Amino acid sequence: MGMDNNMAIEPDEMKQLVDQCNNVYLSMGSETRVVSALELAQREKMRRSVVFVRDLPAGHQLQIEDLDVKRPGTGLASEWIEQLAGYTLKKDVKADNLVSVEDIVEKLN
């Protein structure tokens, strides 16, 4: 016996090692991220949208205090909440309704 017998591997063991390494590689999948239909549906349920906190009249200039974020995420994303302050409402809106771009007039400044 040589000094390498503790590190040596038989041909069938080597084949098993290579096969297992290939299985690990295949199980890692593609680098491309593909979002399934189920994941998209779940995203809408879990994300939050900007809503009005209370009933507000047309012509009202939005303040942060007029807005909140709630589920589902089917409206304007929660990241928009701070940018919406200063916009004016085109029409009367109701509490807990999703904020829509059709509800607001562009800021003047």
PDB file of N, CA and C in Angstrom:
ATOM      1  N   MET A   1       0.825  -1.186   0.000  1.00  0.00           N
ATOM      2  CA  MET A   1       0.000   0.000   0.000  1.00  0.00           C
ATOM      3  C   MET A   1       0.865   1.245   0.000  1.00  0.00           C
ATOM      4  N   GLY A   2       0.421   2.148  -0.834  1.00  0.00           N
ATOM      5  CA  GLY A   2       1.148   3.392  -0.916  1.00  0.00           C
ATOM      6  C   GLY A   2       0.601   4.398   0.073  1.00  0.00           C
ATOM      7  N   MET A   3       1.233   5.556   0.078  1.00  0.00           N
ATOM      8  CA  MET A   3       0.810   6.594   1.019  1.00  0.00           C
ATOM      9  C   MET A   3      -0.510   7.252   0.617  1.00  0.00           C
ATOM     10  N   ASP A   4      -0.968   7.076  -0.636  1.00  0.00           N
ATOM     11  CA  ASP A   4      -2.187   7.746  -1.082  1.00  0.00           C
ATOM     12  C   ASP A   4      -3.441   6.890  -0.893  1.00  0.00           C
ATOM     13  N   ASN A   5      -3.336   5.726  -0.267  1.00  0.00           N
ATOM     14  CA  ASN A   5      -4.498   4.845  -0.171  1.00  0.00           C
ATOM     15  C   ASN A   5      -5.642   5.465   0.631  1.00  0.00           C
ATOM     16  N   ASN A   6      -5.354   6.362   1.565  1.00  0.00           N
ATOM     17  CA  ASN A   6      -6.413   7.024   2.330  1.00  0.00           C
ATOM     18  C   ASN A   6      -7.173   8.050   1.489  1.00  0.00           C
ATOM     19  N   MET A   7      -6.554   8.530   0.418  1.00  0.00           N
ATOM     20  CA  MET A   7      -7.188   9.516  -0.439  1.00  0.00           C
ATOM     21  C   MET A   7      -7.687   8.907  -1.743  1.00  0.00           C
ATOM     22  N   ALA A   8      -7.311   7.680  -2.020  1.00  0.00           N
ATOM     23  CA  ALA A   8      -7.652   7.044  -3.293  1.00  0.00           C
ATOM     24  C   ALA A   8      -9.146   6.760  -3.372  1.00  0.00           C
ATOM     25  N   ILE A   9      -9.640   6.691  -4.606  1.00  0.00           N
ATOM     26  CA  ILE A   9     -11.051   6.405  -4.843  1.00  0.00           C
ATOM     27  C   ILE A   9     -11.130   5.390  -5.981  1.00  0.00           C
ATOM     28  N   GLU A  10     -12.048   4.481  -5.843  1.00  0.00           N
ATOM     29  CA  GLU A  10     -12.249   3.444  -6.852  1.00  0.00           C
ATOM     30  C   GLU A  10     -13.055   4.037  -8.016  1.00  0.00           C
ATOM     31  N   PRO A  11     -12.936   3.474  -9.227  1.00  0.00           N
ATOM     32  CA  PRO A  11     -13.651   4.005 -10.393  1.00  0.00           C
ATOM     33  C   PRO A  11     -15.163   4.145 -10.181  1.00  0.00           C
ATOM     34  N   ASP A  12     -15.808   3.149  -9.567  1.00  0.00           N
ATOM     35  CA  ASP A  12     -17.260   3.257  -9.348  1.00  0.00           C
ATOM     36  C   ASP A  12     -17.587   4.355  -8.341  1.00  0.00           C
ATOM     37  N   GLU A  13     -16.718   4.577  -7.350  1.00  0.00           N
ATOM     38  CA  GLU A  13     -16.916   5.668  -6.392  1.00  0.00           C
ATOM     39  C   GLU A  13     -16.703   7.022  -7.075  1.00  0.00           C
ATOM     40  N   MET A  14     -15.732   7.077  -7.987  1.00  0.00           N
ATOM     41  CA  MET A  14     -15.486   8.312  -8.733  1.00  0.00           C
ATOM     42  C   MET A  14     -16.691   8.650  -9.600  1.00  0.00           C
ATOM     43  N   LYS A  15     -17.274   7.637 -10.261  1.00  0.00           N
ATOM     44  CA  LYS A  15     -18.463   7.862 -11.078  1.00  0.00           C
ATOM     45  C   LYS A  15     -19.610   8.387 -10.208  1.00  0.00           C
ATOM     46  N   GLN A  16     -19.787   7.789  -9.043  1.00  0.00           N
ATOM     47  CA  GLN A  16     -20.843   8.236  -8.123  1.00  0.00           C
ATOM     48  C   GLN A  16     -20.600   9.690  -7.697  1.00  0.00           C
ATOM     49  N   LEU A  17     -19.356  10.048  -7.398  1.00  0.00           N
ATOM     50  CA  LEU A  17     -19.014  11.421  -7.014  1.00  0.00           C
ATOM     51  C   LEU A  17     -19.331  12.399  -8.142  1.00  0.00           C
ATOM     52  N   VAL A  18     -18.927  12.064  -9.367  1.00  0.00           N
ATOM     53  CA  VAL A  18     -19.181  12.940 -10.512  1.00  0.00           C
ATOM     54  C   VAL A  18     -20.684  13.075 -10.744  1.00  0.00           C
ATOM     55  N   ASP A  19     -21.423  11.967 -10.674  1.00  0.00           N
ATOM     56  CA  ASP A  19     -22.882  12.007 -10.857  1.00  0.00           C
ATOM     57  C   ASP A  19     -23.538  12.904  -9.815  1.00  0.00           C
ATOM     58  N   GLN A  20     -23.116  12.786  -8.578  1.00  0.00           N
ATOM     59  CA  GLN A  20     -23.687  13.612  -7.513  1.00  0.00           C
ATOM     60  C   GLN A  20     -23.344  15.088  -7.709  1.00  0.00           C
ATOM     61  N   CYS A  21     -22.121  15.361  -8.143  1.00  0.00           N
ATOM     62  CA  CYS A  21     -21.741  16.752  -8.436  1.00  0.00           C
ATOM     63  C   CYS A  21     -22.590  17.312  -9.569  1.00  0.00           C
ATOM     64  N   ASN A  22     -22.822  16.521 -10.602  1.00  0.00           N
ATOM     65  CA  ASN A  22     -23.675  16.959 -11.716  1.00  0.00           C
ATOM     66  C   ASN A  22     -25.109  17.196 -11.251  1.00  0.00           C
ATOM     67  N   ASN A  23     -25.619  16.355 -10.352  1.00  0.00           N
ATOM     68  CA  ASN A  23     -26.966  16.555  -9.814  1.00  0.00           C
ATOM     69  C   ASN A  23     -27.074  17.866  -9.043  1.00  0.00           C
ATOM     70  N   VAL A  24     -26.057  18.174  -8.266  1.00  0.00           N
ATOM     71  CA  VAL A  24     -26.038  19.440  -7.523  1.00  0.00           C
ATOM     72  C   VAL A  24     -26.042  20.603  -8.505  1.00  0.00           C
ATOM     73  N   TYR A  25     -25.211  20.529  -9.531  1.00  0.00           N
ATOM     74  CA  TYR A  25     -25.142  21.589 -10.537  1.00  0.00           C
ATOM     75  C   TYR A  25     -26.505  21.787 -11.212  1.00  0.00           C
ATOM     76  N   LEU A  26     -27.148  20.698 -11.607  1.00  0.00           N
ATOM     77  CA  LEU A  26     -28.460  20.787 -12.257  1.00  0.00           C
ATOM     78  C   LEU A  26     -29.527  21.338 -11.309  1.00  0.00           C
ATOM     79  N   SER A  27     -29.449  20.973 -10.040  1.00  0.00           N
ATOM     80  CA  SER A  27     -30.458  21.433  -9.076  1.00  0.00           C
ATOM     81  C   SER A  27     -30.351  22.924  -8.797  1.00  0.00           C
ATOM     82  N   MET A  28     -29.196  23.515  -9.094  1.00  0.00           N
ATOM     83  CA  MET A  28     -29.025  24.955  -8.896  1.00  0.00           C
ATOM     84  C   MET A  28     -29.846  25.751  -9.895  1.00  0.00           C
ATOM     85  N   GLY A  29     -30.229  25.145 -11.001  1.00  0.00           N
ATOM     86  CA  GLY A  29     -31.090  25.812 -11.974  1.00  0.00           C
ATOM     87  C   GLY A  29     -30.366  26.862 -12.789  1.00  0.00           C
ATOM     88  N   SER A  30     -31.169  27.706 -13.429  1.00  0.00           N
ATOM     89  CA  SER A  30     -30.663  28.732 -14.325  1.00  0.00           C
ATOM     90  C   SER A  30     -30.367  30.016 -13.572  1.00  0.00           C
ATOM     91  N   GLU A  31     -29.483  30.828 -14.113  1.00  0.00           N
ATOM     92  CA  GLU A  31     -29.213  32.146 -13.538  1.00  0.00           C
ATOM     93  C   GLU A  31     -30.353  33.115 -13.820  1.00  0.00           C
ATOM     94  N   THR A  32     -31.164  32.803 -14.821  1.00  0.00           N
ATOM     95  CA  THR A  32     -32.281  33.656 -15.183  1.00  0.00           C
ATOM     96  C   THR A  32     -33.430  33.439 -14.203  1.00  0.00           C
ATOM     97  N   ARG A  33     -33.940  34.533 -13.615  1.00  0.00           N
ATOM     98  CA  ARG A  33     -35.041  34.467 -12.656  1.00  0.00           C
ATOM     99  C   ARG A  33     -36.344  34.494 -13.424  1.00  0.00           C
ATOM    100  N   VAL A  34     -37.142  33.458 -13.256  1.00  0.00           N
ATOM    101  CA  VAL A  34     -38.448  33.379 -13.894  1.00  0.00           C
ATOM    102  C   VAL A  34     -39.499  33.368 -12.795  1.00  0.00           C
ATOM    103  N   VAL A  35     -40.396  34.344 -12.821  1.00  0.00           N
ATOM    104  CA  VAL A  35     -41.442  34.444 -11.813  1.00  0.00           C
ATOM    105  C   VAL A  35     -42.671  33.708 -12.329  1.00  0.00           C
ATOM    106  N   SER A  36     -43.141  32.756 -11.550  1.00  0.00           N
ATOM    107  CA  SER A  36     -44.308  31.967 -11.962  1.00  0.00           C
ATOM    108  C   SER A  36     -45.595  32.754 -11.749  1.00  0.00           C
ATOM    109  N   ALA A  37     -46.669  32.290 -12.361  1.00  0.00           N
ATOM    110  CA  ALA A  37     -47.986  32.932 -12.202  1.00  0.00           C
ATOM    111  C   ALA A  37     -48.415  32.905 -10.738  1.00  0.00           C
ATOM    112  N   LEU A  38     -48.114  31.819 -10.035  1.00  0.00           N
ATOM    113  CA  LEU A  38     -48.469  31.727  -8.616  1.00  0.00           C
ATOM    114  C   LEU A  38     -47.698  32.757  -7.788  1.00  0.00           C
ATOM    115  N   GLU A  39     -46.423  32.964  -8.122  1.00  0.00           N
ATOM    116  CA  GLU A  39     -45.631  33.964  -7.409  1.00  0.00           C
ATOM    117  C   GLU A  39     -46.164  35.369  -7.669  1.00  0.00           C
ATOM    118  N   LEU A  40     -46.577  35.644  -8.902  1.00  0.00           N
ATOM    119  CA  LEU A  40     -47.143  36.963  -9.223  1.00  0.00           C
ATOM    120  C   LEU A  40     -48.424  37.211  -8.436  1.00  0.00           C
ATOM    121  N   ALA A  41     -49.279  36.202  -8.362  1.00  0.00           N
ATOM    122  CA  ALA A  41     -50.525  36.337  -7.601  1.00  0.00           C
ATOM    123  C   ALA A  41     -50.219  36.582  -6.121  1.00  0.00           C
ATOM    124  N   GLN A  42     -49.249  35.881  -5.596  1.00  0.00           N
ATOM    125  CA  GLN A  42     -48.873  36.054  -4.192  1.00  0.00           C
ATOM    126  C   GLN A  42     -48.269  37.431  -3.953  1.00  0.00           C
ATOM    127  N   ARG A  43     -47.505  37.923  -4.924  1.00  0.00           N
ATOM    128  CA  ARG A  43     -46.902  39.253  -4.819  1.00  0.00           C
ATOM    129  C   ARG A  43     -47.985  40.307  -4.631  1.00  0.00           C
ATOM    130  N   GLU A  44     -49.066  40.214  -5.407  1.00  0.00           N
ATOM    131  CA  GLU A  44     -50.152  41.191  -5.283  1.00  0.00           C
ATOM    132  C   GLU A  44     -50.804  41.127  -3.913  1.00  0.00           C
ATOM    133  N   LYS A  45     -50.913  39.936  -3.349  1.00  0.00           N
ATOM    134  CA  LYS A  45     -51.526  39.798  -2.026  1.00  0.00           C
ATOM    135  C   LYS A  45     -50.624  40.347  -0.931  1.00  0.00           C
ATOM    136  N   MET A  46     -49.322  40.190  -1.078  1.00  0.00           N
ATOM    137  CA  MET A  46     -48.390  40.544  -0.014  1.00  0.00           C
ATOM    138  C   MET A  46     -47.889  41.981  -0.068  1.00  0.00           C
ATOM    139  N   ARG A  47     -47.785  42.539  -1.253  1.00  0.00           N
ATOM    140  CA  ARG A  47     -47.303  43.920  -1.364  1.00  0.00           C
ATOM    141  C   ARG A  47     -48.396  44.892  -0.933  1.00  0.00           C
ATOM    142  N   ARG A  48     -47.985  46.117  -0.723  1.00  0.00           N
ATOM    143  CA  ARG A  48     -48.918  47.145  -0.252  1.00  0.00           C
ATOM    144  C   ARG A  48     -49.050  48.257  -1.284  1.00  0.00           C
ATOM    145  N   SER A  49     -50.228  48.876  -1.285  1.00  0.00           N
ATOM    146  CA  SER A  49     -50.519  49.997  -2.179  1.00  0.00           C
ATOM    147  C   SER A  49     -50.889  51.219  -1.341  1.00  0.00           C
ATOM    148  N   VAL A  50     -50.755  52.398  -1.944  1.00  0.00           N
ATOM    149  CA  VAL A  50     -51.112  53.644  -1.268  1.00  0.00           C
ATOM    150  C   VAL A  50     -52.633  53.801  -1.297  1.00  0.00           C
ATOM    151  N   VAL A  51     -53.201  54.151  -0.129  1.00  0.00           N
ATOM    152  CA  VAL A  51     -54.644  54.385   0.003  1.00  0.00           C
ATOM    153  C   VAL A  51     -54.875  55.726   0.685  1.00  0.00           C
ATOM    154  N   PHE A  52     -56.088  56.241   0.514  1.00  0.00           N
ATOM    155  CA  PHE A  52     -56.491  57.459   1.221  1.00  0.00           C
ATOM    156  C   PHE A  52     -56.903  57.086   2.637  1.00  0.00           C
ATOM    157  N   VAL A  53     -56.489  57.894   3.631  1.00  0.00           N
ATOM    158  CA  VAL A  53     -56.803  57.631   5.038  1.00  0.00           C
ATOM    159  C   VAL A  53     -58.245  58.027   5.353  1.00  0.00           C
ATOM    160  N   ARG A  54     -58.740  59.059   4.678  1.00  0.00           N
ATOM    161  CA  ARG A  54     -60.095  59.578   4.962  1.00  0.00           C
ATOM    162  C   ARG A  54     -60.712  60.088   3.667  1.00  0.00           C
ATOM    163  N   ASP A  55     -62.007  60.353   3.699  1.00  0.00           N
ATOM    164  CA  ASP A  55     -62.674  60.981   2.562  1.00  0.00           C
ATOM    165  C   ASP A  55     -62.056  62.362   2.356  1.00  0.00           C
ATOM    166  N   LEU A  56     -61.767  62.700   1.103  1.00  0.00           N
ATOM    167  CA  LEU A  56     -61.150  63.998   0.792  1.00  0.00           C
ATOM    168  C   LEU A  56     -61.865  64.621  -0.403  1.00  0.00           C
ATOM    169  N   PRO A  57     -62.009  65.957  -0.401  1.00  0.00           N
ATOM    170  CA  PRO A  57     -62.718  66.629  -1.492  1.00  0.00           C
ATOM    171  C   PRO A  57     -61.799  66.937  -2.683  1.00  0.00           C
ATOM    172  N   ALA A  58     -62.409  67.124  -3.838  1.00  0.00           N
ATOM    173  CA  ALA A  58     -61.667  67.579  -5.023  1.00  0.00           C
ATOM    174  C   ALA A  58     -61.000  68.909  -4.690  1.00  0.00           C
ATOM    175  N   GLY A  59     -59.795  69.131  -5.201  1.00  0.00           N
ATOM    176  CA  GLY A  59     -59.060  70.372  -4.939  1.00  0.00           C
ATOM    177  C   GLY A  59     -58.166  70.301  -3.709  1.00  0.00           C
ATOM    178  N   HIS A  60     -58.318  69.263  -2.900  1.00  0.00           N
ATOM    179  CA  HIS A  60     -57.489  69.109  -1.696  1.00  0.00           C
ATOM    180  C   HIS A  60     -56.054  68.801  -2.106  1.00  0.00           C
ATOM    181  N   GLN A  61     -55.084  69.480  -1.468  1.00  0.00           N
ATOM    182  CA  GLN A  61     -53.679  69.199  -1.727  1.00  0.00           C
ATOM    183  C   GLN A  61     -53.233  68.100  -0.759  1.00  0.00           C
ATOM    184  N   LEU A  62     -52.766  66.997  -1.315  1.00  0.00           N
ATOM    185  CA  LEU A  62     -52.412  65.839  -0.500  1.00  0.00           C
ATOM    186  C   LEU A  62     -51.236  66.118   0.425  1.00  0.00           C
ATOM    187  N   GLN A  63     -51.373  65.627   1.643  1.00  0.00           N
ATOM    188  CA  GLN A  63     -50.314  65.650   2.639  1.00  0.00           C
ATOM    189  C   GLN A  63     -50.002  64.195   2.997  1.00  0.00           C
ATOM    190  N   ILE A  64     -48.845  63.961   3.528  1.00  0.00           N
ATOM    191  CA  ILE A  64     -48.470  62.608   3.948  1.00  0.00           C
ATOM    192  C   ILE A  64     -49.531  62.027   4.884  1.00  0.00           C
ATOM    193  N   GLU A  65     -50.094  62.846   5.748  1.00  0.00           N
ATOM    194  CA  GLU A  65     -51.077  62.384   6.730  1.00  0.00           C
ATOM    195  C   GLU A  65     -52.372  61.885   6.072  1.00  0.00           C
ATOM    196  N   ASP A  66     -52.597  62.248   4.806  1.00  0.00           N
ATOM    197  CA  ASP A  66     -53.793  61.812   4.078  1.00  0.00           C
ATOM    198  C   ASP A  66     -53.641  60.412   3.491  1.00  0.00           C
ATOM    199  N   LEU A  67     -52.452  59.870   3.581  1.00  0.00           N
ATOM    200  CA  LEU A  67     -52.138  58.624   2.876  1.00  0.00           C
ATOM    201  C   LEU A  67     -51.609  57.551   3.821  1.00  0.00           C
ATOM    202  N   ASP A  68     -51.836  56.318   3.437  1.00  0.00           N
ATOM    203  CA  ASP A  68     -51.304  55.166   4.169  1.00  0.00           C
ATOM    204  C   ASP A  68     -51.050  54.060   3.152  1.00  0.00           C
ATOM    205  N   VAL A  69     -50.501  52.949   3.588  1.00  0.00           N
ATOM    206  CA  VAL A  69     -50.308  51.804   2.698  1.00  0.00           C
ATOM    207  C   VAL A  69     -51.004  50.589   3.289  1.00  0.00           C
ATOM    208  N   LYS A  70     -51.668  49.832   2.412  1.00  0.00           N
ATOM    209  CA  LYS A  70     -52.397  48.634   2.825  1.00  0.00           C
ATOM    210  C   LYS A  70     -52.300  47.595   1.727  1.00  0.00           C
ATOM    211  N   ARG A  71     -52.608  46.369   2.106  1.00  0.00           N
ATOM    212  CA  ARG A  71     -52.716  45.287   1.132  1.00  0.00           C
ATOM    213  C   ARG A  71     -54.085  45.348   0.497  1.00  0.00           C
ATOM    214  N   PRO A  72     -54.252  44.923  -0.726  1.00  0.00           N
ATOM    215  CA  PRO A  72     -53.313  44.242  -1.618  1.00  0.00           C
ATOM    216  C   PRO A  72     -52.463  45.239  -2.400  1.00  0.00           C
ATOM    217  N   GLY A  73     -51.471  44.741  -3.101  1.00  0.00           N
ATOM    218  CA  GLY A  73     -50.554  45.570  -3.875  1.00  0.00           C
ATOM    219  C   GLY A  73     -50.978  45.742  -5.310  1.00  0.00           C
ATOM    220  N   THR A  74     -52.249  46.043  -5.530  1.00  0.00           N
ATOM    221  CA  THR A  74     -52.755  46.181  -6.901  1.00  0.00           C
ATOM    222  C   THR A  74     -52.815  47.626  -7.369  1.00  0.00           C
ATOM    223  N   GLY A  75     -52.451  48.561  -6.508  1.00  0.00           N
ATOM    224  CA  GLY A  75     -52.474  49.980  -6.863  1.00  0.00           C
ATOM    225  C   GLY A  75     -51.074  50.545  -6.937  1.00  0.00           C
ATOM    226  N   LEU A  76     -50.955  51.863  -6.685  1.00  0.00           N
ATOM    227  CA  LEU A  76     -49.637  52.497  -6.676  1.00  0.00           C
ATOM    228  C   LEU A  76     -48.796  51.903  -5.548  1.00  0.00           C
ATOM    229  N   ALA A  77     -47.571  51.553  -5.858  1.00  0.00           N
ATOM    230  CA  ALA A  77     -46.684  50.914  -4.878  1.00  0.00           C
ATOM    231  C   ALA A  77     -46.423  51.828  -3.693  1.00  0.00           C
ATOM    232  N   SER A  78     -46.184  51.228  -2.552  1.00  0.00           N
ATOM    233  CA  SER A  78     -45.963  51.973  -1.309  1.00  0.00           C
ATOM    234  C   SER A  78     -44.797  52.961  -1.412  1.00  0.00           C
ATOM    235  N   GLU A  79     -43.854  52.700  -2.314  1.00  0.00           N
ATOM    236  CA  GLU A  79     -42.708  53.607  -2.473  1.00  0.00           C
ATOM    237  C   GLU A  79     -43.130  55.001  -2.946  1.00  0.00           C
ATOM    238  N   TRP A  80     -44.341  55.136  -3.488  1.00  0.00           N
ATOM    239  CA  TRP A  80     -44.825  56.412  -4.014  1.00  0.00           C
ATOM    240  C   TRP A  80     -45.397  57.336  -2.947  1.00  0.00           C
ATOM    241  N   ILE A  81     -45.597  56.861  -1.743  1.00  0.00           N
ATOM    242  CA  ILE A  81     -46.345  57.634  -0.742  1.00  0.00           C
ATOM    243  C   ILE A  81     -45.758  59.031  -0.511  1.00  0.00           C
ATOM    244  N   GLU A  82     -44.452  59.136  -0.389  1.00  0.00           N
ATOM    245  CA  GLU A  82     -43.858  60.458  -0.111  1.00  0.00           C
ATOM    246  C   GLU A  82     -43.923  61.379  -1.324  1.00  0.00           C
ATOM    247  N   GLN A  83     -43.790  60.848  -2.532  1.00  0.00           N
ATOM    248  CA  GLN A  83     -43.848  61.665  -3.742  1.00  0.00           C
ATOM    249  C   GLN A  83     -45.254  62.216  -3.993  1.00  0.00           C
ATOM    250  N   LEU A  84     -46.282  61.566  -3.461  1.00  0.00           N
ATOM    251  CA  LEU A  84     -47.659  62.012  -3.700  1.00  0.00           C
ATOM    252  C   LEU A  84     -48.026  63.259  -2.916  1.00  0.00           C
ATOM    253  N   ALA A  85     -47.306  63.549  -1.844  1.00  0.00           N
ATOM    254  CA  ALA A  85     -47.575  64.765  -1.070  1.00  0.00           C
ATOM    255  C   ALA A  85     -47.358  65.978  -1.973  1.00  0.00           C
ATOM    256  N   GLY A  86     -48.330  66.886  -1.953  1.00  0.00           N
ATOM    257  CA  GLY A  86     -48.252  68.094  -2.776  1.00  0.00           C
ATOM    258  C   GLY A  86     -49.110  68.037  -4.027  1.00  0.00           C
ATOM    259  N   TYR A  87     -49.520  66.834  -4.429  1.00  0.00           N
ATOM    260  CA  TYR A  87     -50.430  66.712  -5.569  1.00  0.00           C
ATOM    261  C   TYR A  87     -51.830  67.133  -5.136  1.00  0.00           C
ATOM    262  N   THR A  88     -52.623  67.610  -6.083  1.00  0.00           N
ATOM    263  CA  THR A  88     -53.988  68.060  -5.823  1.00  0.00           C
ATOM    264  C   THR A  88     -54.968  67.034  -6.377  1.00  0.00           C
ATOM    265  N   LEU A  89     -56.058  66.820  -5.650  1.00  0.00           N
ATOM    266  CA  LEU A  89     -57.067  65.868  -6.091  1.00  0.00           C
ATOM    267  C   LEU A  89     -57.949  66.445  -7.184  1.00  0.00           C
ATOM    268  N   LYS A  90     -58.191  65.679  -8.233  1.00  0.00           N
ATOM    269  CA  LYS A  90     -59.097  66.072  -9.322  1.00  0.00           C
ATOM    270  C   LYS A  90     -60.546  65.892  -8.918  1.00  0.00           C
ATOM    271  N   LYS A  91     -60.801  64.939  -8.034  1.00  0.00           N
ATOM    272  CA  LYS A  91     -62.180  64.579  -7.693  1.00  0.00           C
ATOM    273  C   LYS A  91     -62.251  64.158  -6.228  1.00  0.00           C
ATOM    274  N   ASP A  92     -63.458  64.063  -5.704  1.00  0.00           N
ATOM    275  CA  ASP A  92     -63.645  63.563  -4.347  1.00  0.00           C
ATOM    276  C   ASP A  92     -63.175  62.110  -4.287  1.00  0.00           C
ATOM    277  N   VAL A  93     -62.575  61.745  -3.160  1.00  0.00           N
ATOM    278  CA  VAL A  93     -62.128  60.362  -2.965  1.00  0.00           C
ATOM    279  C   VAL A  93     -62.614  59.860  -1.616  1.00  0.00           C
ATOM    280  N   LYS A  94     -62.708  58.554  -1.507  1.00  0.00           N
ATOM    281  CA  LYS A  94     -63.191  57.912  -0.282  1.00  0.00           C
ATOM    282  C   LYS A  94     -62.039  57.263   0.479  1.00  0.00           C
ATOM    283  N   ALA A  95     -62.199  57.194   1.799  1.00  0.00           N
ATOM    284  CA  ALA A  95     -61.221  56.530   2.665  1.00  0.00           C
ATOM    285  C   ALA A  95     -61.056  55.077   2.255  1.00  0.00           C
ATOM    286  N   ASP A  96     -59.854  54.572   2.385  1.00  0.00           N
ATOM    287  CA  ASP A  96     -59.464  53.185   2.100  1.00  0.00           C
ATOM    288  C   ASP A  96     -59.482  52.824   0.618  1.00  0.00           C
ATOM    289  N   ASN A  97     -59.784  53.780  -0.267  1.00  0.00           N
ATOM    290  CA  ASN A  97     -59.679  53.508  -1.704  1.00  0.00           C
ATOM    291  C   ASN A  97     -58.226  53.634  -2.126  1.00  0.00           C
ATOM    292  N   LEU A  98     -57.841  52.816  -3.094  1.00  0.00           N
ATOM    293  CA  LEU A  98     -56.494  52.898  -3.650  1.00  0.00           C
ATOM    294  C   LEU A  98     -56.304  54.231  -4.349  1.00  0.00           C
ATOM    295  N   VAL A  99     -55.131  54.827  -4.184  1.00  0.00           N
ATOM    296  CA  VAL A  99     -54.795  56.055  -4.893  1.00  0.00           C
ATOM    297  C   VAL A  99     -54.498  55.683  -6.345  1.00  0.00           C
ATOM    298  N   SER A 100     -55.060  56.454  -7.261  1.00  0.00           N
ATOM    299  CA  SER A 100     -54.872  56.225  -8.690  1.00  0.00           C
ATOM    300  C   SER A 100     -54.333  57.498  -9.330  1.00  0.00           C
ATOM    301  N   VAL A 101     -53.573  57.360 -10.408  1.00  0.00           N
ATOM    302  CA  VAL A 101     -53.077  58.552 -11.102  1.00  0.00           C
ATOM    303  C   VAL A 101     -54.241  59.372 -11.661  1.00  0.00           C
ATOM    304  N   GLU A 102     -55.378  58.742 -11.887  1.00  0.00           N
ATOM    305  CA  GLU A 102     -56.555  59.470 -12.373  1.00  0.00           C
ATOM    306  C   GLU A 102     -57.169  60.360 -11.289  1.00  0.00           C
ATOM    307  N   ASP A 103     -56.778  60.171 -10.028  1.00  0.00           N
ATOM    308  CA  ASP A 103     -57.321  60.944  -8.909  1.00  0.00           C
ATOM    309  C   ASP A 103     -56.608  62.274  -8.715  1.00  0.00           C
ATOM    310  N   ILE A 104     -55.424  62.450  -9.287  1.00  0.00           N
ATOM    311  CA  ILE A 104     -54.582  63.579  -8.932  1.00  0.00           C
ATOM    312  C   ILE A 104     -54.209  64.441 -10.128  1.00  0.00           C
ATOM    313  N   VAL A 105     -53.902  65.711  -9.834  1.00  0.00           N
ATOM    314  CA  VAL A 105     -53.402  66.670 -10.813  1.00  0.00           C
ATOM    315  C   VAL A 105     -51.909  66.851 -10.518  1.00  0.00           C
ATOM    316  N   GLU A 106     -51.122  66.985 -11.549  1.00  0.00           N
ATOM    317  CA  GLU A 106     -49.677  67.131 -11.380  1.00  0.00           C
ATOM    318  C   GLU A 106     -49.342  68.349 -10.516  1.00  0.00           C
ATOM    319  N   LYS A 107     -48.272  68.207  -9.726  1.00  0.00           N
ATOM    320  CA  LYS A 107     -47.806  69.309  -8.874  1.00  0.00           C
ATOM    321  C   LYS A 107     -47.359  70.480  -9.749  1.00  0.00           C
ATOM    322  N   LEU A 108     -47.550  71.684  -9.253  1.00  0.00           N
ATOM    323  CA  LEU A 108     -47.127  72.870  -9.986  1.00  0.00           C
ATOM    324  C   LEU A 108     -45.665  73.192  -9.728  1.00  0.00           C
ATOM    325  N   ASN A 109     -45.121  72.795  -8.591  1.00  0.00           N
ATOM    326  CA  ASN A 109     -43.713  73.087  -8.284  1.00  0.00           C
ATOM    327  C   ASN A 109     -42.973  71.864  -7.864  1.00  0.00           C
TER     328      ASN A 109
END
